[in-house]
Amino acid sequence: MAVKIRLARTGRKKLAFYRVVVADSQMPRDGRCIAYVGTYAPRENPAKIVIDEAVTLKWLAKGAQPTETVKSLLKKSGAWKKFLETKSPNTPAA
């Protein structure tokens, strides 16, 4: 089972609102998900991004792959930088 962190669309017509979800890659875009990790409201000015960093970092550590759009949202929120720091901590050269 390949797990992805991606966007699921909610909201009404022409007023998009997205949930950042952890879901099996075989499930439909708005189908069943494993966990909710945040929201994204692109229509607000400026766009509103809310990410639960603890849950997101847990899923990234387990091997969940973010889509390109979600990766850019994680970079804007700062969660991606924290993930990279935990993934490869700076160690002094021998």
PDB file of N, CA and C in Angstrom:
ATOM      1  N   MET A   1       0.845  -1.172   0.000  1.00  0.00           N
ATOM      2  CA  MET A   1       0.000   0.000   0.000  1.00  0.00           C
ATOM      3  C   MET A   1       0.893   1.239   0.000  1.00  0.00           C
ATOM      4  N   ALA A   2       0.856   1.997  -1.080  1.00  0.00           N
ATOM      5  CA  ALA A   2       1.612   3.244  -1.179  1.00  0.00           C
ATOM      6  C   ALA A   2       0.769   4.368  -0.583  1.00  0.00           C
ATOM      7  N   VAL A   3       1.337   5.076   0.373  1.00  0.00           N
ATOM      8  CA  VAL A   3       0.608   6.136   1.066  1.00  0.00           C
ATOM      9  C   VAL A   3       1.107   7.483   0.570  1.00  0.00           C
ATOM     10  N   LYS A   4       0.161   8.374   0.263  1.00  0.00           N
ATOM     11  CA  LYS A   4       0.483   9.713  -0.224  1.00  0.00           C
ATOM     12  C   LYS A   4      -0.139  10.754   0.692  1.00  0.00           C
ATOM     13  N   ILE A   5       0.528  11.887   0.785  1.00  0.00           N
ATOM     14  CA  ILE A   5      -0.049  13.065   1.433  1.00  0.00           C
ATOM     15  C   ILE A   5      -0.479  13.968   0.291  1.00  0.00           C
ATOM     16  N   ARG A   6      -1.787  14.211   0.196  1.00  0.00           N
ATOM     17  CA  ARG A   6      -2.311  14.951  -0.956  1.00  0.00           C
ATOM     18  C   ARG A   6      -3.503  15.806  -0.551  1.00  0.00           C
ATOM     19  N   LEU A   7      -4.062  16.513  -1.527  1.00  0.00           N
ATOM     20  CA  LEU A   7      -5.195  17.393  -1.280  1.00  0.00           C
ATOM     21  C   LEU A   7      -6.499  16.693  -1.639  1.00  0.00           C
ATOM     22  N   ALA A   8      -7.517  16.879  -0.799  1.00  0.00           N
ATOM     23  CA  ALA A   8      -8.870  16.417  -1.085  1.00  0.00           C
ATOM     24  C   ALA A   8      -9.745  17.664  -1.159  1.00  0.00           C
ATOM     25  N   ARG A   9     -10.488  17.813  -2.253  1.00  0.00           N
ATOM     26  CA  ARG A   9     -11.261  19.033  -2.465  1.00  0.00           C
ATOM     27  C   ARG A   9     -12.581  18.982  -1.710  1.00  0.00           C
ATOM     28  N   THR A  10     -12.893  20.093  -1.049  1.00  0.00           N
ATOM     29  CA  THR A  10     -14.196  20.286  -0.427  1.00  0.00           C
ATOM     30  C   THR A  10     -14.660  21.677  -0.830  1.00  0.00           C
ATOM     31  N   GLY A  11     -15.744  22.144  -0.254  1.00  0.00           N
ATOM     32  CA  GLY A  11     -16.238  23.467  -0.610  1.00  0.00           C
ATOM     33  C   GLY A  11     -17.225  23.383  -1.753  1.00  0.00           C
ATOM     34  N   ARG A  12     -17.828  24.501  -2.056  1.00  0.00           N
ATOM     35  CA  ARG A  12     -18.832  24.492  -3.112  1.00  0.00           C
ATOM     36  C   ARG A  12     -18.223  24.876  -4.453  1.00  0.00           C
ATOM     37  N   LYS A  13     -19.066  24.887  -5.464  1.00  0.00           N
ATOM     38  CA  LYS A  13     -18.617  25.191  -6.816  1.00  0.00           C
ATOM     39  C   LYS A  13     -17.983  26.579  -6.882  1.00  0.00           C
ATOM     40  N   LYS A  14     -16.830  26.656  -7.513  1.00  0.00           N
ATOM     41  CA  LYS A  14     -16.059  27.887  -7.713  1.00  0.00           C
ATOM     42  C   LYS A  14     -15.555  28.518  -6.410  1.00  0.00           C
ATOM     43  N   LEU A  15     -15.622  27.787  -5.305  1.00  0.00           N
ATOM     44  CA  LEU A  15     -15.113  28.272  -4.029  1.00  0.00           C
ATOM     45  C   LEU A  15     -14.374  27.116  -3.359  1.00  0.00           C
ATOM     46  N   ALA A  16     -13.228  26.791  -3.937  1.00  0.00           N
ATOM     47  CA  ALA A  16     -12.483  25.608  -3.512  1.00  0.00           C
ATOM     48  C   ALA A  16     -11.892  25.773  -2.118  1.00  0.00           C
ATOM     49  N   PHE A  17     -11.879  24.668  -1.404  1.00  0.00           N
ATOM     50  CA  PHE A  17     -11.256  24.547  -0.092  1.00  0.00           C
ATOM     51  C   PHE A  17     -10.708  23.131  -0.047  1.00  0.00           C
ATOM     52  N   TYR A  18      -9.480  22.982   0.403  1.00  0.00           N
ATOM     53  CA  TYR A  18      -8.850  21.663   0.367  1.00  0.00           C
ATOM     54  C   TYR A  18      -8.468  21.199   1.760  1.00  0.00           C
ATOM     55  N   ARG A  19      -8.554  19.892   1.971  1.00  0.00           N
ATOM     56  CA  ARG A  19      -8.013  19.260   3.163  1.00  0.00           C
ATOM     57  C   ARG A  19      -6.727  18.568   2.756  1.00  0.00           C
ATOM     58  N   VAL A  20      -5.712  18.685   3.585  1.00  0.00           N
ATOM     59  CA  VAL A  20      -4.472  17.944   3.363  1.00  0.00           C
ATOM     60  C   VAL A  20      -4.666  16.615   4.086  1.00  0.00           C
ATOM     61  N   VAL A  21      -4.643  15.515   3.315  1.00  0.00           N
ATOM     62  CA  VAL A  21      -4.959  14.205   3.875  1.00  0.00           C
ATOM     63  C   VAL A  21      -3.855  13.203   3.583  1.00  0.00           C
ATOM     64  N   VAL A  22      -3.810  12.160   4.398  1.00  0.00           N
ATOM     65  CA  VAL A  22      -2.954  11.007   4.155  1.00  0.00           C
ATOM     66  C   VAL A  22      -3.885   9.926   3.636  1.00  0.00           C
ATOM     67  N   ALA A  23      -3.615   9.423   2.424  1.00  0.00           N
ATOM     68  CA  ALA A  23      -4.511   8.442   1.816  1.00  0.00           C
ATOM     69  C   ALA A  23      -3.720   7.438   0.999  1.00  0.00           C
ATOM     70  N   ASP A  24      -4.318   6.277   0.803  1.00  0.00           N
ATOM     71  CA  ASP A  24      -3.754   5.267  -0.077  1.00  0.00           C
ATOM     72  C   ASP A  24      -3.771   5.838  -1.495  1.00  0.00           C
ATOM     73  N   SER A  25      -2.719   5.616  -2.243  1.00  0.00           N
ATOM     74  CA  SER A  25      -2.613   6.199  -3.583  1.00  0.00           C
ATOM     75  C   SER A  25      -3.660   5.638  -4.545  1.00  0.00           C
ATOM     76  N   GLN A  26      -4.259   4.495  -4.228  1.00  0.00           N
ATOM     77  CA  GLN A  26      -5.262   3.888  -5.102  1.00  0.00           C
ATOM     78  C   GLN A  26      -6.667   4.445  -4.873  1.00  0.00           C
ATOM     79  N   MET A  27      -6.879   5.176  -3.790  1.00  0.00           N
ATOM     80  CA  MET A  27      -8.195   5.724  -3.469  1.00  0.00           C
ATOM     81  C   MET A  27      -8.491   6.947  -4.340  1.00  0.00           C
ATOM     82  N   PRO A  28      -9.781   7.224  -4.584  1.00  0.00           N
ATOM     83  CA  PRO A  28     -10.142   8.431  -5.337  1.00  0.00           C
ATOM     84  C   PRO A  28      -9.705   9.699  -4.601  1.00  0.00           C
ATOM     85  N   ARG A  29      -9.631  10.802  -5.333  1.00  0.00           N
ATOM     86  CA  ARG A  29      -9.152  12.067  -4.765  1.00  0.00           C
ATOM     87  C   ARG A  29      -9.917  12.458  -3.505  1.00  0.00           C
ATOM     88  N   ASP A  30     -11.232  12.355  -3.535  1.00  0.00           N
ATOM     89  CA  ASP A  30     -12.050  12.745  -2.389  1.00  0.00           C
ATOM     90  C   ASP A  30     -12.556  11.531  -1.619  1.00  0.00           C
ATOM     91  N   GLY A  31     -11.922  10.382  -1.824  1.00  0.00           N
ATOM     92  CA  GLY A  31     -12.365   9.149  -1.180  1.00  0.00           C
ATOM     93  C   GLY A  31     -11.868   9.009   0.248  1.00  0.00           C
ATOM     94  N   ARG A  32     -11.900   7.765   0.707  1.00  0.00           N
ATOM     95  CA  ARG A  32     -11.514   7.459   2.084  1.00  0.00           C
ATOM     96  C   ARG A  32     -10.057   7.837   2.332  1.00  0.00           C
ATOM     97  N   CYS A  33      -9.801   8.396   3.503  1.00  0.00           N
ATOM     98  CA  CYS A  33      -8.431   8.773   3.850  1.00  0.00           C
ATOM     99  C   CYS A  33      -8.052   8.142   5.182  1.00  0.00           C
ATOM    100  N   ILE A  34      -6.765   8.101   5.447  1.00  0.00           N
ATOM    101  CA  ILE A  34      -6.243   7.519   6.678  1.00  0.00           C
ATOM    102  C   ILE A  34      -6.227   8.564   7.789  1.00  0.00           C
ATOM    103  N   ALA A  35      -5.809   9.793   7.462  1.00  0.00           N
ATOM    104  CA  ALA A  35      -5.714  10.852   8.475  1.00  0.00           C
ATOM    105  C   ALA A  35      -5.826  12.222   7.817  1.00  0.00           C
ATOM    106  N   TYR A  36      -6.362  13.181   8.569  1.00  0.00           N
ATOM    107  CA  TYR A  36      -6.387  14.582   8.153  1.00  0.00           C
ATOM    108  C   TYR A  36      -5.209  15.279   8.814  1.00  0.00           C
ATOM    109  N   VAL A  37      -4.415  16.000   8.013  1.00  0.00           N
ATOM    110  CA  VAL A  37      -3.243  16.669   8.587  1.00  0.00           C
ATOM    111  C   VAL A  37      -3.258  18.184   8.416  1.00  0.00           C
ATOM    112  N   GLY A  38      -4.267  18.724   7.742  1.00  0.00           N
ATOM    113  CA  GLY A  38      -4.310  20.169   7.603  1.00  0.00           C
ATOM    114  C   GLY A  38      -5.352  20.632   6.610  1.00  0.00           C
ATOM    115  N   THR A  39      -5.358  21.944   6.364  1.00  0.00           N
ATOM    116  CA  THR A  39      -6.275  22.544   5.405  1.00  0.00           C
ATOM    117  C   THR A  39      -5.530  23.575   4.561  1.00  0.00           C
ATOM    118  N   TYR A  40      -6.135  23.872   3.400  1.00  0.00           N
ATOM    119  CA  TYR A  40      -5.573  24.870   2.488  1.00  0.00           C
ATOM    120  C   TYR A  40      -6.732  25.617   1.852  1.00  0.00           C
ATOM    121  N   ALA A  41      -6.765  26.923   2.038  1.00  0.00           N
ATOM    122  CA  ALA A  41      -7.813  27.773   1.482  1.00  0.00           C
ATOM    123  C   ALA A  41      -7.177  28.741   0.486  1.00  0.00           C
ATOM    124  N   PRO A  42      -7.116  28.372  -0.806  1.00  0.00           N
ATOM    125  CA  PRO A  42      -6.432  29.217  -1.787  1.00  0.00           C
ATOM    126  C   PRO A  42      -7.186  30.492  -2.143  1.00  0.00           C
ATOM    127  N   ARG A  43      -8.487  30.554  -1.880  1.00  0.00           N
ATOM    128  CA  ARG A  43      -9.280  31.717  -2.270  1.00  0.00           C
ATOM    129  C   ARG A  43      -9.140  32.883  -1.292  1.00  0.00           C
ATOM    130  N   GLU A  44      -8.650  32.622  -0.095  1.00  0.00           N
ATOM    131  CA  GLU A  44      -8.448  33.714   0.856  1.00  0.00           C
ATOM    132  C   GLU A  44      -7.242  34.533   0.424  1.00  0.00           C
ATOM    133  N   ASN A  45      -7.225  35.798   0.834  1.00  0.00           N
ATOM    134  CA  ASN A  45      -6.130  36.667   0.440  1.00  0.00           C
ATOM    135  C   ASN A  45      -5.405  37.153   1.682  1.00  0.00           C
ATOM    136  N   PRO A  46      -4.219  36.694   1.982  1.00  0.00           N
ATOM    137  CA  PRO A  46      -3.417  35.679   1.300  1.00  0.00           C
ATOM    138  C   PRO A  46      -3.943  34.273   1.590  1.00  0.00           C
ATOM    139  N   ALA A  47      -3.522  33.325   0.772  1.00  0.00           N
ATOM    140  CA  ALA A  47      -3.979  31.948   0.927  1.00  0.00           C
ATOM    141  C   ALA A  47      -3.647  31.439   2.327  1.00  0.00           C
ATOM    142  N   LYS A  48      -4.597  30.716   2.923  1.00  0.00           N
ATOM    143  CA  LYS A  48      -4.440  30.242   4.304  1.00  0.00           C
ATOM    144  C   LYS A  48      -4.017  28.778   4.300  1.00  0.00           C
ATOM    145  N   ILE A  49      -2.892  28.490   4.966  1.00  0.00           N
ATOM    146  CA  ILE A  49      -2.367  27.132   5.069  1.00  0.00           C
ATOM    147  C   ILE A  49      -2.276  26.783   6.547  1.00  0.00           C
ATOM    148  N   VAL A  50      -2.949  25.700   6.949  1.00  0.00           N
ATOM    149  CA  VAL A  50      -2.889  25.218   8.326  1.00  0.00           C
ATOM    150  C   VAL A  50      -2.443  23.765   8.273  1.00  0.00           C
ATOM    151  N   ILE A  51      -1.272  23.474   8.849  1.00  0.00           N
ATOM    152  CA  ILE A  51      -0.708  22.123   8.831  1.00  0.00           C
ATOM    153  C   ILE A  51      -0.420  21.695  10.272  1.00  0.00           C
ATOM    154  N   ASP A  52      -0.862  20.492  10.643  1.00  0.00           N
ATOM    155  CA  ASP A  52      -0.506  19.907  11.940  1.00  0.00           C
ATOM    156  C   ASP A  52       0.860  19.253  11.759  1.00  0.00           C
ATOM    157  N   GLU A  53       1.905  19.956  12.186  1.00  0.00           N
ATOM    158  CA  GLU A  53       3.275  19.509  11.911  1.00  0.00           C
ATOM    159  C   GLU A  53       3.611  18.179  12.563  1.00  0.00           C
ATOM    160  N   ALA A  54       3.132  17.942  13.774  1.00  0.00           N
ATOM    161  CA  ALA A  54       3.468  16.698  14.472  1.00  0.00           C
ATOM    162  C   ALA A  54       2.948  15.483  13.702  1.00  0.00           C
ATOM    163  N   VAL A  55       1.699  15.554  13.264  1.00  0.00           N
ATOM    164  CA  VAL A  55       1.107  14.433  12.526  1.00  0.00           C
ATOM    165  C   VAL A  55       1.770  14.292  11.160  1.00  0.00           C
ATOM    166  N   THR A  56       2.027  15.409  10.496  1.00  0.00           N
ATOM    167  CA  THR A  56       2.666  15.371   9.181  1.00  0.00           C
ATOM    168  C   THR A  56       4.062  14.772   9.265  1.00  0.00           C
ATOM    169  N   LEU A  57       4.846  15.198  10.248  1.00  0.00           N
ATOM    170  CA  LEU A  57       6.198  14.657  10.406  1.00  0.00           C
ATOM    171  C   LEU A  57       6.164  13.165  10.715  1.00  0.00           C
ATOM    172  N   LYS A  58       5.165  12.727  11.480  1.00  0.00           N
ATOM    173  CA  LYS A  58       5.029  11.301  11.788  1.00  0.00           C
ATOM    174  C   LYS A  58       4.805  10.499  10.504  1.00  0.00           C
ATOM    175  N   TRP A  59       3.911  10.983   9.637  1.00  0.00           N
ATOM    176  CA  TRP A  59       3.617  10.258   8.398  1.00  0.00           C
ATOM    177  C   TRP A  59       4.779  10.320   7.414  1.00  0.00           C
ATOM    178  N   LEU A  60       5.480  11.456   7.354  1.00  0.00           N
ATOM    179  CA  LEU A  60       6.652  11.547   6.483  1.00  0.00           C
ATOM    180  C   LEU A  60       7.739  10.587   6.950  1.00  0.00           C
ATOM    181  N   ALA A  61       7.907  10.456   8.264  1.00  0.00           N
ATOM    182  CA  ALA A  61       8.904   9.528   8.806  1.00  0.00           C
ATOM    183  C   ALA A  61       8.539   8.083   8.493  1.00  0.00           C
ATOM    184  N   LYS A  62       7.238   7.794   8.409  1.00  0.00           N
ATOM    185  CA  LYS A  62       6.787   6.439   8.086  1.00  0.00           C
ATOM    186  C   LYS A  62       6.924   6.127   6.600  1.00  0.00           C
ATOM    187  N   GLY A  63       7.202   7.140   5.778  1.00  0.00           N
ATOM    188  CA  GLY A  63       7.425   6.909   4.358  1.00  0.00           C
ATOM    189  C   GLY A  63       6.342   7.420   3.432  1.00  0.00           C
ATOM    190  N   ALA A  64       5.388   8.185   3.937  1.00  0.00           N
ATOM    191  CA  ALA A  64       4.349   8.757   3.081  1.00  0.00           C
ATOM    192  C   ALA A  64       4.981   9.770   2.129  1.00  0.00           C
ATOM    193  N   GLN A  65       4.586   9.726   0.868  1.00  0.00           N
ATOM    194  CA  GLN A  65       5.146  10.607  -0.150  1.00  0.00           C
ATOM    195  C   GLN A  65       4.195  11.769  -0.423  1.00  0.00           C
ATOM    196  N   PRO A  66       4.628  13.019  -0.237  1.00  0.00           N
ATOM    197  CA  PRO A  66       3.761  14.152  -0.556  1.00  0.00           C
ATOM    198  C   PRO A  66       3.730  14.409  -2.064  1.00  0.00           C
ATOM    199  N   THR A  67       2.589  14.893  -2.551  1.00  0.00           N
ATOM    200  CA  THR A  67       2.519  15.309  -3.945  1.00  0.00           C
ATOM    201  C   THR A  67       3.302  16.614  -4.089  1.00  0.00           C
ATOM    202  N   GLU A  68       3.555  17.035  -5.316  1.00  0.00           N
ATOM    203  CA  GLU A  68       4.319  18.270  -5.545  1.00  0.00           C
ATOM    204  C   GLU A  68       3.618  19.475  -4.917  1.00  0.00           C
ATOM    205  N   THR A  69       2.290  19.545  -5.054  1.00  0.00           N
ATOM    206  CA  THR A  69       1.551  20.669  -4.488  1.00  0.00           C
ATOM    207  C   THR A  69       1.643  20.673  -2.971  1.00  0.00           C
ATOM    208  N   VAL A  70       1.467  19.518  -2.360  1.00  0.00           N
ATOM    209  CA  VAL A  70       1.548  19.432  -0.903  1.00  0.00           C
ATOM    210  C   VAL A  70       2.968  19.724  -0.433  1.00  0.00           C
ATOM    211  N   LYS A  71       3.957  19.293  -1.195  1.00  0.00           N
ATOM    212  CA  LYS A  71       5.344  19.578  -0.815  1.00  0.00           C
ATOM    213  C   LYS A  71       5.588  21.089  -0.790  1.00  0.00           C
ATOM    214  N   SER A  72       5.038  21.817  -1.765  1.00  0.00           N
ATOM    215  CA  SER A  72       5.210  23.270  -1.773  1.00  0.00           C
ATOM    216  C   SER A  72       4.474  23.911  -0.595  1.00  0.00           C
ATOM    217  N   LEU A  73       3.314  23.366  -0.213  1.00  0.00           N
ATOM    218  CA  LEU A  73       2.600  23.883   0.958  1.00  0.00           C
ATOM    219  C   LEU A  73       3.384  23.606   2.241  1.00  0.00           C
ATOM    220  N   LEU A  74       4.001  22.426   2.319  1.00  0.00           N
ATOM    221  CA  LEU A  74       4.818  22.091   3.490  1.00  0.00           C
ATOM    222  C   LEU A  74       6.031  23.010   3.589  1.00  0.00           C
ATOM    223  N   LYS A  75       6.610  23.367   2.442  1.00  0.00           N
ATOM    224  CA  LYS A  75       7.747  24.292   2.442  1.00  0.00           C
ATOM    225  C   LYS A  75       7.315  25.667   2.938  1.00  0.00           C
ATOM    226  N   LYS A  76       6.133  26.134   2.505  1.00  0.00           N
ATOM    227  CA  LYS A  76       5.646  27.448   2.925  1.00  0.00           C
ATOM    228  C   LYS A  76       5.327  27.480   4.416  1.00  0.00           C
ATOM    229  N   SER A  77       4.847  26.360   4.949  1.00  0.00           N
ATOM    230  CA  SER A  77       4.491  26.321   6.371  1.00  0.00           C
ATOM    231  C   SER A  77       5.689  26.033   7.270  1.00  0.00           C
ATOM    232  N   GLY A  78       6.794  25.565   6.687  1.00  0.00           N
ATOM    233  CA  GLY A  78       7.990  25.281   7.469  1.00  0.00           C
ATOM    234  C   GLY A  78       8.116  23.835   7.912  1.00  0.00           C
ATOM    235  N   ALA A  79       7.113  23.014   7.656  1.00  0.00           N
ATOM    236  CA  ALA A  79       7.142  21.611   8.091  1.00  0.00           C
ATOM    237  C   ALA A  79       8.162  20.802   7.293  1.00  0.00           C
ATOM    238  N   TRP A  80       8.366  21.144   6.031  1.00  0.00           N
ATOM    239  CA  TRP A  80       9.312  20.390   5.191  1.00  0.00           C
ATOM    240  C   TRP A  80      10.744  20.566   5.698  1.00  0.00           C
ATOM    241  N   LYS A  81      11.075  21.790   6.112  1.00  0.00           N
ATOM    242  CA  LYS A  81      12.417  22.053   6.637  1.00  0.00           C
ATOM    243  C   LYS A  81      12.660  21.243   7.909  1.00  0.00           C
ATOM    244  N   LYS A  82      11.652  21.178   8.783  1.00  0.00           N
ATOM    245  CA  LYS A  82      11.787  20.383  10.008  1.00  0.00           C
ATOM    246  C   LYS A  82      11.963  18.906   9.685  1.00  0.00           C
ATOM    247  N   PHE A  83      11.259  18.424   8.658  1.00  0.00           N
ATOM    248  CA  PHE A  83      11.397  17.022   8.260  1.00  0.00           C
ATOM    249  C   PHE A  83      12.808  16.738   7.761  1.00  0.00           C
ATOM    250  N   LEU A  84      13.344  17.629   6.933  1.00  0.00           N
ATOM    251  CA  LEU A  84      14.697  17.424   6.416  1.00  0.00           C
ATOM    252  C   LEU A  84      15.734  17.470   7.535  1.00  0.00           C
ATOM    253  N   GLU A  85      15.514  18.317   8.542  1.00  0.00           N
ATOM    254  CA  GLU A  85      16.440  18.386   9.675  1.00  0.00           C
ATOM    255  C   GLU A  85      16.422  17.097  10.487  1.00  0.00           C
ATOM    256  N   THR A  86      15.255  16.500  10.665  1.00  0.00           N
ATOM    257  CA  THR A  86      15.178  15.247  11.425  1.00  0.00           C
ATOM    258  C   THR A  86      15.658  14.067  10.594  1.00  0.00           C
ATOM    259  N   LYS A  87      15.496  14.165   9.287  1.00  0.00           N
ATOM    260  CA  LYS A  87      15.894  13.071   8.402  1.00  0.00           C
ATOM    261  C   LYS A  87      17.411  12.934   8.338  1.00  0.00           C
ATOM    262  N   SER A  88      18.109  14.053   8.182  1.00  0.00           N
ATOM    263  CA  SER A  88      19.570  14.010   8.084  1.00  0.00           C
ATOM    264  C   SER A  88      20.167  15.098   8.971  1.00  0.00           C
ATOM    265  N   PRO A  89      20.328  14.811  10.259  1.00  0.00           N
ATOM    266  CA  PRO A  89      20.899  15.833  11.138  1.00  0.00           C
ATOM    267  C   PRO A  89      22.343  16.137  10.758  1.00  0.00           C
ATOM    268  N   ASN A  90      22.738  17.375  10.956  1.00  0.00           N
ATOM    269  CA  ASN A  90      24.108  17.789  10.632  1.00  0.00           C
ATOM    270  C   ASN A  90      25.073  17.157  11.633  1.00  0.00           C
ATOM    271  N   THR A  91      25.975  16.357  11.119  1.00  0.00           N
ATOM    272  CA  THR A  91      26.988  15.737  11.967  1.00  0.00           C
ATOM    273  C   THR A  91      28.342  16.292  11.572  1.00  0.00           C
ATOM    274  N   PRO A  92      29.218  16.540  12.537  1.00  0.00           N
ATOM    275  CA  PRO A  92      30.536  17.077  12.191  1.00  0.00           C
ATOM    276  C   PRO A  92      31.353  16.053  11.403  1.00  0.00           C
ATOM    277  N   ALA A  93      32.120  16.548  10.452  1.00  0.00           N
ATOM    278  CA  ALA A  93      32.961  15.665   9.632  1.00  0.00           C
ATOM    279  C   ALA A  93      34.106  15.119  10.478  1.00  0.00           C
ATOM    280  N   ALA A  94      34.452  13.861  10.222  1.00  0.00           N
ATOM    281  CA  ALA A  94      35.525  13.225  11.013  1.00  0.00           C
ATOM    282  C   ALA A  94      36.886  13.547  10.458  1.00  0.00           C
TER     283      ALA A  94
END
